Amino acid sequence: MISITINRSESEFIQSFIISGHAFFADRGKDIVCAGASAVSIGAINGVHALTGVTPEIEQGDGFLRCVIPDKLSEDINEKVQLLLEGMIVSLQTIEEEYGEHIKITFKK
């Protein structure tokens, strides 16, 4: 199962997220759940960088992605970063609604 943990601050800002595991929906290379989660999350990180200039701290490995948003962003830039990451969450939740036995999202403060 793919486990996604979204870490929020007390003010509800997304500070980081971790995605780990494998969906095991289909054979490697044909797993649409894994491909969807990967495309959405990497796309969001790329969008943050390309559209805001912010470079998140990234750690990647086989079946693992950790992304940490830098502290002390200006209010304007943070608002844009948060909007992009909230969009990522909506997309991941859409995948979870259809394939919940293969992907699970949790939120932490």
Protein backbone atom coordinates (compact mmCIF):
# COMPACT_ATOMS: atom_id res chain seq x y z
CA MET A 1 0.00 0.00 0.00
CA ILE A 2 1.10 3.56 -0.68
CA SER A 3 1.03 5.60 2.53
CA ILE A 4 0.92 9.37 2.28
CA THR A 5 1.42 11.58 5.32
CA ILE A 6 0.72 15.29 5.00
CA ASN A 7 2.24 17.33 7.83
CA ARG A 8 0.53 20.64 8.58
CA SER A 9 1.48 23.46 10.90
CA GLU A 10 -0.86 24.70 13.63
CA SER A 11 -2.06 27.32 11.13
CA GLU A 12 -2.90 24.51 8.66
CA PHE A 13 -0.05 25.26 6.23
CA ILE A 14 1.46 22.20 4.55
CA GLN A 15 5.01 21.90 5.89
CA SER A 16 5.98 18.56 4.38
CA PHE A 17 4.73 15.30 2.99
CA ILE A 18 6.03 11.76 2.82
CA ILE A 19 4.93 9.13 0.33
CA SER A 20 6.13 5.58 0.88
CA GLY A 21 5.36 2.04 -0.19
CA HIS A 22 4.02 0.40 -3.30
CA ALA A 23 0.42 0.09 -4.45
CA PHE A 24 0.68 -3.49 -5.76
CA PHE A 25 -2.31 -2.76 -7.98
CA ALA A 26 -0.58 -4.28 -11.01
CA ASP A 27 2.85 -5.42 -12.16
CA ARG A 28 5.70 -2.93 -12.04
CA GLY A 29 5.44 -0.60 -15.01
CA LYS A 30 1.69 -1.19 -15.33
CA ASP A 31 0.56 0.03 -11.92
CA ILE A 32 -1.73 3.00 -12.55
CA VAL A 33 -2.11 3.78 -8.85
CA CYS A 34 1.65 4.11 -8.40
CA ALA A 35 2.00 6.04 -11.64
CA GLY A 36 -0.81 8.40 -10.67
CA ALA A 37 0.56 9.10 -7.19
CA SER A 38 4.06 9.63 -8.59
CA ALA A 39 2.91 11.92 -11.39
CA VAL A 40 0.75 14.04 -9.09
CA SER A 41 3.38 14.43 -6.36
CA ILE A 42 6.39 15.06 -8.63
CA GLY A 43 4.25 17.35 -10.78
CA ALA A 44 3.33 19.39 -7.71
CA ILE A 45 6.96 19.70 -6.62
CA ASN A 46 7.98 20.72 -10.14
CA GLY A 47 5.12 23.22 -10.21
CA VAL A 48 6.19 24.74 -6.91
CA HIS A 49 9.72 25.21 -8.21
CA ALA A 50 8.77 26.46 -11.69
CA LEU A 51 5.97 28.80 -10.62
CA THR A 52 7.28 30.18 -7.33
CA GLY A 53 11.06 29.73 -7.49
CA VAL A 54 10.95 27.80 -4.20
CA THR A 55 13.14 24.70 -4.07
CA PRO A 56 11.75 22.22 -1.54
CA GLU A 57 14.05 19.81 0.27
CA ILE A 58 13.59 16.46 -1.46
CA GLU A 59 14.60 12.93 -0.51
CA GLN A 60 13.79 10.11 -2.94
CA GLY A 61 14.30 6.38 -3.05
CA ASP A 62 12.56 3.25 -4.26
CA GLY A 63 8.95 3.72 -3.20
CA PHE A 64 9.83 6.78 -1.11
CA LEU A 65 9.47 10.55 -1.51
CA ARG A 66 9.88 13.17 1.20
CA CYS A 67 9.30 16.85 0.48
CA VAL A 68 9.87 19.66 2.98
CA ILE A 69 8.82 23.23 2.24
CA PRO A 70 11.36 25.84 3.39
CA ASP A 71 10.46 27.99 6.40
CA LYS A 72 10.14 31.76 6.30
CA LEU A 73 8.66 32.21 2.84
CA SER A 74 7.02 35.52 2.10
CA GLU A 75 3.26 35.50 2.57
CA ASP A 76 2.66 35.89 -1.17
CA ILE A 77 5.00 33.05 -2.16
CA ASN A 78 3.74 30.77 0.63
CA GLU A 79 0.16 31.33 -0.53
CA LYS A 80 1.12 30.14 -4.02
CA VAL A 81 3.06 27.15 -2.70
CA GLN A 82 0.15 26.15 -0.49
CA LEU A 83 -2.34 26.40 -3.35
CA LEU A 84 -0.21 24.11 -5.51
CA LEU A 85 0.18 21.58 -2.69
CA GLU A 86 -3.53 21.68 -1.84
CA GLY A 87 -4.18 20.87 -5.51
CA MET A 88 -1.85 17.90 -5.15
CA ILE A 89 -3.84 16.69 -2.15
CA VAL A 90 -7.13 16.96 -4.04
CA SER A 91 -5.67 14.85 -6.86
CA LEU A 92 -4.28 12.26 -4.45
CA GLN A 93 -7.63 12.09 -2.63
CA THR A 94 -9.33 11.44 -5.97
CA ILE A 95 -7.01 8.45 -6.48
CA GLU A 96 -7.68 7.32 -2.91
CA GLU A 97 -11.46 7.45 -3.46
CA GLU A 98 -11.20 5.01 -6.35
CA TYR A 99 -8.31 2.83 -5.17
CA GLY A 100 -8.47 3.14 -1.38
CA GLU A 101 -7.24 -0.41 -0.82
CA HIS A 102 -3.95 0.60 -2.48
CA ILE A 103 -3.37 4.16 -1.25
CA LYS A 104 -4.04 5.88 2.10
CA ILE A 105 -3.65 9.55 3.04
CA THR A 106 -3.26 10.73 6.64
CA PHE A 107 -2.89 14.25 7.99
CA LYS A 108 -0.76 15.25 10.97
CA LYS A 109 -0.19 18.49 12.85
